Structures are given as structure tokens and as C-alpha cells.
N, C-alpha and C. Protein backbone atom coordinates (compact mmCIF):
# COMPACT_ATOMS: atom_id res chain seq x y z
N MET A 1 0.86 -1.19 0.00
CA MET A 1 0.00 0.00 0.00
C MET A 1 0.88 1.23 0.00
N PRO A 2 0.46 2.27 -0.65
CA PRO A 2 1.23 3.51 -0.62
C PRO A 2 1.40 3.99 0.82
N ASP A 3 2.50 4.69 1.05
CA ASP A 3 2.70 5.27 2.37
C ASP A 3 1.58 6.27 2.61
N LEU A 4 0.79 6.01 3.64
CA LEU A 4 -0.36 6.87 3.90
C LEU A 4 -0.01 8.05 4.81
N GLY A 5 1.25 8.12 5.24
CA GLY A 5 1.64 9.25 6.08
C GLY A 5 0.68 9.43 7.23
N PRO A 6 0.06 10.61 7.34
CA PRO A 6 -0.84 10.87 8.46
C PRO A 6 -2.25 10.28 8.29
N VAL A 7 -2.50 9.58 7.17
CA VAL A 7 -3.82 9.02 6.93
C VAL A 7 -3.98 7.74 7.74
N ALA A 8 -5.02 7.68 8.55
CA ALA A 8 -5.25 6.50 9.38
C ALA A 8 -5.85 5.37 8.55
N TRP A 9 -5.48 4.16 8.91
CA TRP A 9 -6.08 2.98 8.30
C TRP A 9 -6.69 2.14 9.39
N PRO A 10 -7.86 1.56 9.22
CA PRO A 10 -8.70 1.69 8.03
C PRO A 10 -9.49 2.99 8.04
N PRO A 11 -9.88 3.45 6.86
CA PRO A 11 -10.74 4.63 6.81
C PRO A 11 -12.15 4.23 7.27
N ALA A 12 -12.95 5.22 7.54
CA ALA A 12 -14.36 4.94 7.81
C ALA A 12 -14.94 4.27 6.57
N PRO A 13 -15.94 3.42 6.74
CA PRO A 13 -16.54 2.81 5.55
C PRO A 13 -16.94 3.87 4.52
N ILE A 14 -16.70 3.53 3.27
CA ILE A 14 -17.05 4.41 2.16
C ILE A 14 -18.38 3.91 1.60
N ARG A 15 -19.35 4.80 1.51
CA ARG A 15 -20.67 4.41 1.02
C ARG A 15 -20.91 5.04 -0.35
N THR A 16 -21.40 4.21 -1.27
CA THR A 16 -21.83 4.69 -2.57
C THR A 16 -23.34 4.51 -2.62
N GLU A 17 -23.91 4.74 -3.78
CA GLU A 17 -25.35 4.57 -3.91
C GLU A 17 -25.81 3.16 -3.53
N ARG A 18 -25.03 2.15 -3.92
CA ARG A 18 -25.45 0.77 -3.69
C ARG A 18 -24.51 -0.07 -2.84
N LEU A 19 -23.32 0.44 -2.57
CA LEU A 19 -22.27 -0.38 -1.97
C LEU A 19 -21.68 0.24 -0.72
N VAL A 20 -21.04 -0.61 0.07
CA VAL A 20 -20.24 -0.16 1.21
C VAL A 20 -18.85 -0.77 1.01
N LEU A 21 -17.84 0.08 1.11
CA LEU A 21 -16.45 -0.38 1.04
C LEU A 21 -15.87 -0.25 2.43
N ARG A 22 -15.35 -1.35 2.95
CA ARG A 22 -14.95 -1.39 4.35
C ARG A 22 -13.77 -2.33 4.53
N GLU A 23 -13.26 -2.32 5.76
CA GLU A 23 -12.20 -3.24 6.14
C GLU A 23 -12.76 -4.67 6.20
N SER A 24 -11.91 -5.63 5.97
CA SER A 24 -12.29 -7.03 6.01
C SER A 24 -12.66 -7.47 7.43
N GLU A 25 -13.58 -8.43 7.50
CA GLU A 25 -14.01 -9.03 8.77
C GLU A 25 -14.02 -10.54 8.61
N ALA A 26 -14.12 -11.26 9.72
CA ALA A 26 -14.12 -12.73 9.68
C ALA A 26 -15.25 -13.27 8.80
N ARG A 27 -16.38 -12.59 8.77
CA ARG A 27 -17.52 -13.07 7.97
C ARG A 27 -17.26 -13.04 6.47
N ASP A 28 -16.16 -12.42 6.04
CA ASP A 28 -15.83 -12.33 4.62
C ASP A 28 -15.00 -13.52 4.11
N ARG A 29 -14.54 -14.37 5.03
CA ARG A 29 -13.62 -15.44 4.65
C ARG A 29 -14.19 -16.35 3.56
N ALA A 30 -15.43 -16.79 3.69
CA ALA A 30 -16.02 -17.70 2.71
C ALA A 30 -16.07 -17.05 1.32
N ALA A 31 -16.41 -15.78 1.26
CA ALA A 31 -16.48 -15.09 -0.04
C ALA A 31 -15.09 -14.91 -0.64
N VAL A 32 -14.07 -14.67 0.19
CA VAL A 32 -12.70 -14.55 -0.32
C VAL A 32 -12.26 -15.89 -0.91
N ILE A 33 -12.55 -16.97 -0.21
CA ILE A 33 -12.22 -18.30 -0.74
C ILE A 33 -12.95 -18.53 -2.05
N GLU A 34 -14.22 -18.18 -2.11
CA GLU A 34 -15.00 -18.35 -3.35
C GLU A 34 -14.40 -17.55 -4.50
N LEU A 35 -13.96 -16.32 -4.22
CA LEU A 35 -13.33 -15.49 -5.26
C LEU A 35 -12.13 -16.19 -5.87
N PHE A 36 -11.21 -16.64 -5.01
CA PHE A 36 -9.96 -17.20 -5.51
C PHE A 36 -10.13 -18.62 -6.05
N ALA A 37 -11.20 -19.33 -5.68
CA ALA A 37 -11.45 -20.69 -6.18
C ALA A 37 -12.27 -20.68 -7.46
N SER A 38 -12.84 -19.55 -7.83
CA SER A 38 -13.73 -19.46 -8.99
C SER A 38 -12.97 -19.53 -10.31
N PRO A 39 -13.31 -20.51 -11.17
CA PRO A 39 -12.68 -20.55 -12.49
C PRO A 39 -12.97 -19.30 -13.32
N GLU A 40 -14.19 -18.74 -13.20
CA GLU A 40 -14.52 -17.52 -13.96
C GLU A 40 -13.67 -16.35 -13.50
N VAL A 41 -13.53 -16.17 -12.20
CA VAL A 41 -12.71 -15.07 -11.66
C VAL A 41 -11.25 -15.28 -12.06
N GLY A 42 -10.80 -16.51 -12.05
CA GLY A 42 -9.40 -16.80 -12.33
C GLY A 42 -8.99 -16.72 -13.79
N THR A 43 -9.94 -16.51 -14.69
CA THR A 43 -9.65 -16.53 -16.13
C THR A 43 -8.47 -15.64 -16.50
N TYR A 44 -8.42 -14.42 -16.00
CA TYR A 44 -7.37 -13.47 -16.41
C TYR A 44 -6.35 -13.19 -15.31
N VAL A 45 -6.39 -13.96 -14.23
CA VAL A 45 -5.46 -13.71 -13.12
C VAL A 45 -4.70 -14.98 -12.72
N GLY A 46 -4.40 -15.81 -13.70
CA GLY A 46 -3.57 -16.97 -13.43
C GLY A 46 -4.33 -18.24 -13.05
N GLY A 47 -5.65 -18.22 -13.13
CA GLY A 47 -6.43 -19.42 -12.87
C GLY A 47 -6.94 -19.51 -11.45
N ALA A 48 -7.91 -20.40 -11.27
CA ALA A 48 -8.48 -20.64 -9.95
C ALA A 48 -7.47 -21.37 -9.08
N ARG A 49 -7.54 -21.12 -7.79
CA ARG A 49 -6.69 -21.84 -6.84
C ARG A 49 -7.51 -22.96 -6.22
N PRO A 50 -6.87 -24.06 -5.85
CA PRO A 50 -7.60 -25.18 -5.25
C PRO A 50 -8.29 -24.78 -3.94
N ARG A 51 -9.57 -25.10 -3.84
CA ARG A 51 -10.37 -24.74 -2.67
C ARG A 51 -9.76 -25.30 -1.38
N ASP A 52 -9.25 -26.54 -1.39
CA ASP A 52 -8.70 -27.12 -0.17
C ASP A 52 -7.46 -26.34 0.29
N GLU A 53 -6.66 -25.88 -0.66
CA GLU A 53 -5.49 -25.06 -0.32
C GLU A 53 -5.94 -23.73 0.31
N LEU A 54 -6.96 -23.12 -0.28
CA LEU A 54 -7.48 -21.86 0.25
C LEU A 54 -8.05 -22.04 1.65
N GLU A 55 -8.77 -23.13 1.87
CA GLU A 55 -9.34 -23.40 3.20
C GLU A 55 -8.23 -23.47 4.26
N ARG A 56 -7.07 -24.01 3.86
CA ARG A 56 -5.93 -24.12 4.79
C ARG A 56 -5.20 -22.80 4.99
N THR A 57 -5.14 -21.96 3.94
CA THR A 57 -4.23 -20.81 3.97
C THR A 57 -4.88 -19.45 4.19
N VAL A 58 -6.15 -19.30 3.87
CA VAL A 58 -6.79 -17.99 4.05
C VAL A 58 -7.02 -17.76 5.55
N PRO A 59 -6.50 -16.65 6.07
CA PRO A 59 -6.65 -16.40 7.51
C PRO A 59 -8.11 -16.17 7.92
N GLU A 60 -8.36 -16.25 9.20
CA GLU A 60 -9.71 -16.06 9.74
C GLU A 60 -10.30 -14.73 9.29
N VAL A 61 -9.46 -13.68 9.32
CA VAL A 61 -9.88 -12.38 8.81
C VAL A 61 -8.98 -12.10 7.59
N PRO A 62 -9.48 -12.39 6.40
CA PRO A 62 -8.65 -12.24 5.20
C PRO A 62 -8.44 -10.78 4.83
N GLY A 63 -7.27 -10.49 4.28
CA GLY A 63 -7.03 -9.16 3.74
C GLY A 63 -7.00 -8.04 4.75
N ARG A 64 -6.70 -8.32 5.98
CA ARG A 64 -6.65 -7.25 6.98
C ARG A 64 -5.31 -6.55 6.85
N ARG A 65 -5.29 -5.54 5.99
CA ARG A 65 -4.06 -4.77 5.74
C ARG A 65 -4.44 -3.47 5.05
N PRO A 66 -3.58 -2.48 5.15
CA PRO A 66 -3.84 -1.22 4.45
C PRO A 66 -3.97 -1.46 2.94
N GLY A 67 -4.97 -0.82 2.36
CA GLY A 67 -5.18 -0.91 0.93
C GLY A 67 -6.15 -2.00 0.49
N PHE A 68 -6.68 -2.79 1.43
CA PHE A 68 -7.61 -3.87 1.09
C PHE A 68 -9.01 -3.46 1.50
N PHE A 69 -9.89 -3.32 0.52
CA PHE A 69 -11.28 -2.94 0.77
C PHE A 69 -12.20 -4.10 0.39
N VAL A 70 -13.11 -4.46 1.29
CA VAL A 70 -14.19 -5.38 0.96
C VAL A 70 -15.29 -4.55 0.32
N VAL A 71 -15.89 -5.08 -0.75
CA VAL A 71 -17.03 -4.43 -1.37
C VAL A 71 -18.27 -5.22 -0.95
N GLU A 72 -19.18 -4.54 -0.28
CA GLU A 72 -20.38 -5.17 0.27
C GLU A 72 -21.62 -4.60 -0.40
N CYS A 73 -22.55 -5.49 -0.73
CA CYS A 73 -23.84 -5.10 -1.28
C CYS A 73 -24.92 -5.84 -0.50
N ASP A 74 -25.88 -5.11 0.01
CA ASP A 74 -26.97 -5.70 0.79
C ASP A 74 -26.46 -6.62 1.89
N GLY A 75 -25.38 -6.20 2.56
CA GLY A 75 -24.86 -6.93 3.72
C GLY A 75 -23.94 -8.09 3.41
N ALA A 76 -23.65 -8.37 2.14
CA ALA A 76 -22.79 -9.49 1.78
C ALA A 76 -21.62 -9.02 0.93
N MET A 77 -20.46 -9.65 1.12
CA MET A 77 -19.29 -9.34 0.31
C MET A 77 -19.53 -9.81 -1.12
N VAL A 78 -19.33 -8.91 -2.09
CA VAL A 78 -19.46 -9.26 -3.50
C VAL A 78 -18.14 -9.12 -4.24
N GLY A 79 -17.14 -8.51 -3.58
CA GLY A 79 -15.86 -8.32 -4.24
C GLY A 79 -14.86 -7.66 -3.31
N MET A 80 -13.71 -7.35 -3.88
CA MET A 80 -12.64 -6.70 -3.13
C MET A 80 -11.88 -5.78 -4.05
N ILE A 81 -11.31 -4.75 -3.45
CA ILE A 81 -10.46 -3.81 -4.18
C ILE A 81 -9.16 -3.68 -3.39
N THR A 82 -8.05 -3.62 -4.11
CA THR A 82 -6.76 -3.43 -3.46
C THR A 82 -6.04 -2.24 -4.06
N LEU A 83 -5.30 -1.56 -3.22
CA LEU A 83 -4.32 -0.56 -3.63
C LEU A 83 -3.00 -1.01 -3.04
N ASP A 84 -2.05 -1.30 -3.90
CA ASP A 84 -0.73 -1.77 -3.46
C ASP A 84 0.34 -1.00 -4.22
N ARG A 85 1.53 -0.95 -3.64
CA ARG A 85 2.66 -0.38 -4.37
C ARG A 85 3.05 -1.35 -5.46
N ARG A 86 3.19 -0.85 -6.67
CA ARG A 86 3.63 -1.68 -7.79
C ARG A 86 5.11 -1.96 -7.61
N ASP A 87 5.42 -3.22 -7.61
CA ASP A 87 6.81 -3.67 -7.47
C ASP A 87 7.59 -3.27 -8.72
N ALA A 88 8.76 -2.69 -8.53
CA ALA A 88 9.58 -2.26 -9.66
C ALA A 88 9.96 -3.44 -10.55
N ALA A 89 9.93 -4.67 -10.01
CA ALA A 89 10.27 -5.85 -10.80
C ALA A 89 9.08 -6.39 -11.60
N SER A 90 7.89 -5.80 -11.41
CA SER A 90 6.71 -6.25 -12.16
C SER A 90 6.90 -5.97 -13.64
N PRO A 91 6.35 -6.84 -14.49
CA PRO A 91 6.43 -6.55 -15.93
C PRO A 91 5.70 -5.25 -16.25
N GLY A 92 6.16 -4.58 -17.29
CA GLY A 92 5.51 -3.35 -17.70
C GLY A 92 6.22 -2.13 -17.18
N PRO A 93 5.73 -0.95 -17.56
CA PRO A 93 6.39 0.29 -17.18
C PRO A 93 6.20 0.60 -15.69
N ALA A 94 7.16 1.26 -15.13
CA ALA A 94 7.06 1.73 -13.74
C ALA A 94 8.01 2.91 -13.59
N ARG A 95 7.67 3.81 -12.69
CA ARG A 95 8.58 4.92 -12.40
C ARG A 95 9.76 4.35 -11.63
N PRO A 96 10.98 4.68 -12.03
CA PRO A 96 12.13 4.12 -11.34
C PRO A 96 12.32 4.68 -9.93
N ASP A 97 11.78 5.87 -9.65
CA ASP A 97 12.05 6.52 -8.37
C ASP A 97 11.15 6.03 -7.24
N ALA A 98 9.98 5.49 -7.54
CA ALA A 98 9.07 5.08 -6.47
C ALA A 98 8.03 4.12 -7.00
N GLY A 99 7.60 3.21 -6.15
CA GLY A 99 6.51 2.31 -6.52
C GLY A 99 5.22 3.09 -6.60
N GLU A 100 4.50 2.91 -7.67
CA GLU A 100 3.22 3.60 -7.85
C GLU A 100 2.10 2.81 -7.19
N ALA A 101 1.04 3.49 -6.88
CA ALA A 101 -0.14 2.80 -6.36
C ALA A 101 -0.80 2.07 -7.52
N GLU A 102 -1.08 0.78 -7.32
CA GLU A 102 -1.72 -0.02 -8.36
C GLU A 102 -3.08 -0.49 -7.86
N LEU A 103 -4.10 -0.23 -8.66
CA LEU A 103 -5.46 -0.63 -8.36
C LEU A 103 -5.69 -2.05 -8.85
N GLY A 104 -6.29 -2.87 -7.99
CA GLY A 104 -6.68 -4.22 -8.37
C GLY A 104 -8.07 -4.49 -7.83
N TYR A 105 -8.81 -5.37 -8.48
CA TYR A 105 -10.13 -5.71 -7.96
C TYR A 105 -10.56 -7.06 -8.49
N LEU A 106 -11.39 -7.74 -7.70
CA LEU A 106 -12.01 -9.00 -8.08
C LEU A 106 -13.44 -8.98 -7.55
N PHE A 107 -14.37 -9.47 -8.35
CA PHE A 107 -15.77 -9.56 -7.95
C PHE A 107 -16.29 -10.96 -8.22
N LEU A 108 -17.18 -11.44 -7.38
CA LEU A 108 -17.83 -12.73 -7.60
C LEU A 108 -18.63 -12.67 -8.90
N PRO A 109 -18.67 -13.76 -9.67
CA PRO A 109 -19.38 -13.74 -10.96
C PRO A 109 -20.83 -13.28 -10.86
N GLU A 110 -21.52 -13.60 -9.77
CA GLU A 110 -22.92 -13.18 -9.66
C GLU A 110 -23.06 -11.65 -9.54
N ALA A 111 -21.95 -10.96 -9.28
CA ALA A 111 -21.98 -9.50 -9.18
C ALA A 111 -21.57 -8.82 -10.49
N TRP A 112 -21.17 -9.60 -11.48
CA TRP A 112 -20.71 -9.04 -12.76
C TRP A 112 -21.87 -8.43 -13.53
N GLY A 113 -21.54 -7.42 -14.33
CA GLY A 113 -22.52 -6.84 -15.25
C GLY A 113 -23.49 -5.87 -14.59
N ARG A 114 -23.23 -5.48 -13.36
CA ARG A 114 -24.14 -4.57 -12.64
C ARG A 114 -23.53 -3.20 -12.37
N GLY A 115 -22.30 -3.00 -12.84
CA GLY A 115 -21.63 -1.72 -12.63
C GLY A 115 -20.98 -1.57 -11.27
N TYR A 116 -20.95 -2.65 -10.48
CA TYR A 116 -20.36 -2.56 -9.14
C TYR A 116 -18.87 -2.24 -9.17
N ALA A 117 -18.13 -2.85 -10.11
CA ALA A 117 -16.68 -2.63 -10.16
C ALA A 117 -16.37 -1.16 -10.40
N ALA A 118 -17.02 -0.55 -11.39
CA ALA A 118 -16.76 0.86 -11.67
C ALA A 118 -17.19 1.74 -10.49
N GLU A 119 -18.35 1.45 -9.91
CA GLU A 119 -18.86 2.24 -8.78
C GLU A 119 -17.91 2.16 -7.58
N ALA A 120 -17.47 0.95 -7.26
CA ALA A 120 -16.59 0.76 -6.11
C ALA A 120 -15.20 1.34 -6.36
N CYS A 121 -14.65 1.08 -7.53
CA CYS A 121 -13.31 1.61 -7.84
C CYS A 121 -13.32 3.13 -7.89
N ARG A 122 -14.38 3.73 -8.43
CA ARG A 122 -14.48 5.19 -8.46
C ARG A 122 -14.44 5.74 -7.03
N ALA A 123 -15.15 5.09 -6.11
CA ALA A 123 -15.16 5.54 -4.71
C ALA A 123 -13.79 5.40 -4.07
N VAL A 124 -13.09 4.30 -4.34
CA VAL A 124 -11.75 4.11 -3.78
C VAL A 124 -10.78 5.12 -4.37
N LEU A 125 -10.87 5.38 -5.66
CA LEU A 125 -9.99 6.38 -6.28
C LEU A 125 -10.26 7.77 -5.70
N GLY A 126 -11.52 8.09 -5.43
CA GLY A 126 -11.84 9.37 -4.80
C GLY A 126 -11.25 9.46 -3.41
N TRP A 127 -11.36 8.38 -2.64
CA TRP A 127 -10.76 8.34 -1.31
C TRP A 127 -9.25 8.53 -1.41
N PHE A 128 -8.62 7.81 -2.36
CA PHE A 128 -7.17 7.87 -2.54
C PHE A 128 -6.73 9.28 -2.91
N ALA A 129 -7.47 9.93 -3.82
CA ALA A 129 -7.11 11.29 -4.25
C ALA A 129 -7.19 12.27 -3.08
N ASP A 130 -8.12 12.05 -2.15
CA ASP A 130 -8.21 12.90 -0.96
C ASP A 130 -7.08 12.58 0.02
N ALA A 131 -6.76 11.29 0.16
CA ALA A 131 -5.74 10.86 1.12
C ALA A 131 -4.33 11.23 0.67
N LEU A 132 -4.05 11.12 -0.62
CA LEU A 132 -2.73 11.39 -1.17
C LEU A 132 -2.88 12.25 -2.42
N PRO A 133 -3.17 13.53 -2.24
CA PRO A 133 -3.46 14.41 -3.38
C PRO A 133 -2.33 14.41 -4.41
N GLY A 134 -2.73 14.31 -5.66
CA GLY A 134 -1.78 14.42 -6.77
C GLY A 134 -1.08 13.13 -7.14
N GLU A 135 -1.22 12.07 -6.34
CA GLU A 135 -0.53 10.83 -6.68
C GLU A 135 -1.34 10.04 -7.70
N ARG A 136 -0.66 9.57 -8.72
CA ARG A 136 -1.35 8.82 -9.75
C ARG A 136 -1.49 7.35 -9.35
N VAL A 137 -2.40 6.67 -10.02
CA VAL A 137 -2.67 5.26 -9.78
C VAL A 137 -2.54 4.54 -11.11
N VAL A 138 -1.98 3.34 -11.08
CA VAL A 138 -1.85 2.55 -12.31
C VAL A 138 -2.74 1.32 -12.22
N LEU A 139 -3.03 0.76 -13.39
CA LEU A 139 -3.84 -0.44 -13.49
C LEU A 139 -3.26 -1.27 -14.62
N CYS A 140 -3.14 -2.57 -14.39
CA CYS A 140 -2.63 -3.47 -15.40
C CYS A 140 -3.60 -4.64 -15.53
N THR A 141 -3.99 -4.96 -16.76
CA THR A 141 -4.91 -6.08 -17.00
C THR A 141 -4.60 -6.68 -18.35
N GLN A 142 -5.03 -7.91 -18.55
CA GLN A 142 -4.90 -8.50 -19.88
C GLN A 142 -5.80 -7.73 -20.84
N SER A 143 -5.28 -7.39 -22.00
CA SER A 143 -6.10 -6.65 -22.97
C SER A 143 -7.28 -7.50 -23.44
N ALA A 144 -7.21 -8.81 -23.32
CA ALA A 144 -8.32 -9.68 -23.70
C ALA A 144 -9.47 -9.63 -22.68
N ASN A 145 -9.23 -9.08 -21.51
CA ASN A 145 -10.26 -8.99 -20.48
C ASN A 145 -11.14 -7.77 -20.79
N GLU A 146 -12.14 -8.01 -21.62
CA GLU A 146 -12.98 -6.91 -22.11
C GLU A 146 -13.71 -6.18 -20.99
N ARG A 147 -14.15 -6.91 -19.98
CA ARG A 147 -14.84 -6.26 -18.85
C ARG A 147 -13.91 -5.29 -18.13
N ALA A 148 -12.68 -5.73 -17.85
CA ALA A 148 -11.72 -4.88 -17.15
C ALA A 148 -11.34 -3.68 -18.01
N MET A 149 -11.25 -3.87 -19.30
CA MET A 149 -10.92 -2.77 -20.20
C MET A 149 -12.03 -1.71 -20.18
N ARG A 150 -13.30 -2.15 -20.13
CA ARG A 150 -14.42 -1.21 -20.05
C ARG A 150 -14.40 -0.45 -18.73
N VAL A 151 -14.10 -1.16 -17.64
CA VAL A 151 -14.04 -0.49 -16.33
C VAL A 151 -12.91 0.55 -16.34
N ALA A 152 -11.75 0.19 -16.86
CA ALA A 152 -10.63 1.13 -16.92
C ALA A 152 -11.02 2.40 -17.69
N ALA A 153 -11.72 2.22 -18.80
CA ALA A 153 -12.16 3.38 -19.60
C ALA A 153 -13.17 4.22 -18.81
N LYS A 154 -14.14 3.58 -18.15
CA LYS A 154 -15.13 4.31 -17.36
C LYS A 154 -14.48 5.12 -16.25
N LEU A 155 -13.41 4.58 -15.68
CA LEU A 155 -12.73 5.25 -14.56
C LEU A 155 -11.79 6.36 -15.02
N GLY A 156 -11.52 6.43 -16.31
CA GLY A 156 -10.64 7.48 -16.82
C GLY A 156 -9.16 7.10 -16.86
N PHE A 157 -8.85 5.80 -16.85
CA PHE A 157 -7.45 5.39 -17.02
C PHE A 157 -7.06 5.62 -18.47
N THR A 158 -5.83 6.07 -18.68
CA THR A 158 -5.29 6.33 -20.00
C THR A 158 -4.21 5.31 -20.31
N GLU A 159 -4.30 4.71 -21.49
CA GLU A 159 -3.30 3.70 -21.86
C GLU A 159 -1.92 4.32 -21.95
N VAL A 160 -0.95 3.63 -21.35
CA VAL A 160 0.45 4.03 -21.42
C VAL A 160 1.20 3.08 -22.34
N GLU A 161 0.89 1.80 -22.20
CA GLU A 161 1.66 0.80 -22.93
C GLU A 161 0.93 -0.53 -22.95
N ARG A 162 1.22 -1.32 -23.98
CA ARG A 162 0.82 -2.73 -24.02
C ARG A 162 2.12 -3.52 -24.11
N PHE A 163 2.13 -4.67 -23.45
CA PHE A 163 3.34 -5.49 -23.43
C PHE A 163 2.95 -6.95 -23.21
N GLN A 164 3.86 -7.83 -23.48
CA GLN A 164 3.64 -9.26 -23.30
C GLN A 164 4.15 -9.70 -21.94
N ALA A 165 3.32 -10.43 -21.20
CA ALA A 165 3.73 -11.03 -19.93
C ALA A 165 2.72 -12.11 -19.58
N TYR A 166 3.16 -13.10 -18.86
CA TYR A 166 2.27 -14.19 -18.43
C TYR A 166 1.58 -14.86 -19.62
N GLY A 167 2.23 -14.87 -20.77
CA GLY A 167 1.69 -15.55 -21.95
C GLY A 167 0.55 -14.82 -22.64
N ALA A 168 0.39 -13.52 -22.37
CA ALA A 168 -0.72 -12.77 -22.98
C ALA A 168 -0.34 -11.29 -23.07
N GLU A 169 -1.07 -10.58 -23.95
CA GLU A 169 -0.87 -9.14 -24.04
C GLU A 169 -1.48 -8.46 -22.81
N GLN A 170 -0.71 -7.57 -22.19
CA GLN A 170 -1.15 -6.83 -21.01
C GLN A 170 -1.37 -5.37 -21.39
N TRP A 171 -2.35 -4.77 -20.76
CA TRP A 171 -2.67 -3.35 -20.94
C TRP A 171 -2.28 -2.63 -19.66
N PHE A 172 -1.54 -1.54 -19.79
CA PHE A 172 -1.09 -0.77 -18.63
C PHE A 172 -1.59 0.66 -18.79
N GLY A 173 -2.35 1.14 -17.79
CA GLY A 173 -2.89 2.50 -17.86
C GLY A 173 -2.63 3.26 -16.59
N VAL A 174 -2.84 4.57 -16.67
CA VAL A 174 -2.61 5.45 -15.53
C VAL A 174 -3.84 6.34 -15.32
N TRP A 175 -4.09 6.62 -14.06
CA TRP A 175 -5.17 7.51 -13.64
C TRP A 175 -4.55 8.61 -12.78
N SER A 176 -4.87 9.83 -13.11
CA SER A 176 -4.41 10.95 -12.30
C SER A 176 -5.62 11.73 -11.82
N PRO A 177 -5.60 12.10 -10.54
CA PRO A 177 -6.73 12.89 -10.04
C PRO A 177 -6.82 14.21 -10.79
N VAL A 178 -8.03 14.64 -11.05
CA VAL A 178 -8.25 15.90 -11.74
C VAL A 178 -8.14 17.02 -10.72
N ALA A 179 -7.30 17.96 -11.03
CA ALA A 179 -7.13 19.11 -10.13
C ALA A 179 -8.39 19.98 -10.20
N PRO A 180 -8.83 20.51 -9.08
CA PRO A 180 -10.00 21.38 -9.12
C PRO A 180 -9.75 22.58 -10.02
N GLY A 181 -10.74 22.94 -10.82
CA GLY A 181 -10.57 24.03 -11.77
C GLY A 181 -11.33 25.15 -11.34
């Protein structure tokens, strides 16, 4: 996660029209396991992980760390959003002077096609822009992931580069907060 300096973690829950973004709780464990075990979710992120392995390794309270947001709809976890420092060794472009904040997200298949990803990511980006004014955020996805490409466009990410990694073409974009005019 980016250095939050004086910003406390976790933030107060972020509420959108339909969603609540909050810190992870023990009740989210089953949904986290479902996310990572889902063949549909795993299509563009290296494949599904074995459920028995996840049952052994996912902690009681999964994702309890700065930059990990649970996305809740009607009281149930439907997805997650992460903000992490992009490792300089990651494939694709990166600023040599500092790790950039990288946006990541996963949603359960039953939540797809409802606009939740764009709604939740927009809220997290707004929170991030307030917490760390002027810092840009990057996003990397397979260019074949049409859903992720649409979300990136809706959020205002601008393509920087396409490159080959993990056996597929990757799309790398950047988002910069708009300065008040």
C-alpha cells in the first residue's frame, strides 16, 4: 500500500449509492475463498486456486491490511479492491524513483454486469485522491479482459503501454486525479 503518512487505516466505511467499502471481517472469509477458487474469476489472473489449499491458507480475517477494501452489497461481500505499491520488478512500465499505487479488484461472478466494479473503484480512487493528493494510480490487466478494459475506460485510465507477460498481451494504464478548476 502507498505510504499513507498521516492518513489513518482503516478509513471509515465508504458508502456509494449501492455499496459499502470497508475493512475485512471474519464473515468475509467464505467469499474470499469463493473469489480465488472461482474458475470464472481466475480466467485473467492466473487461474483458480484449489479450494482445499485456500481453506488451509486464508486467515480467519482475510485481507486485513492497508489498501484492502471489501465491497459489500446488501450486507454481503461481493468483491474486493486493493491498492498496493507496484513492485519495480513487475512486468511493464514503472517509475524508477518510487513504486506507484496499483489498483486491483475482483468480484464474484454473480456481481458481474451490474456496474459494481466501476462504482466501487471510483469511490476508492476518490478516497485515494483525498488521502494522497496528486498521486497517480496505475492499473494493469490483460487486454483480452474486455470487462476490465471497459471499467478502466469508465474510470478514466489512459493507456500508457501494451506489453507481453504471463503468456498474454497486457494493458497498462494510468489515472491521475483531476485538479480542481
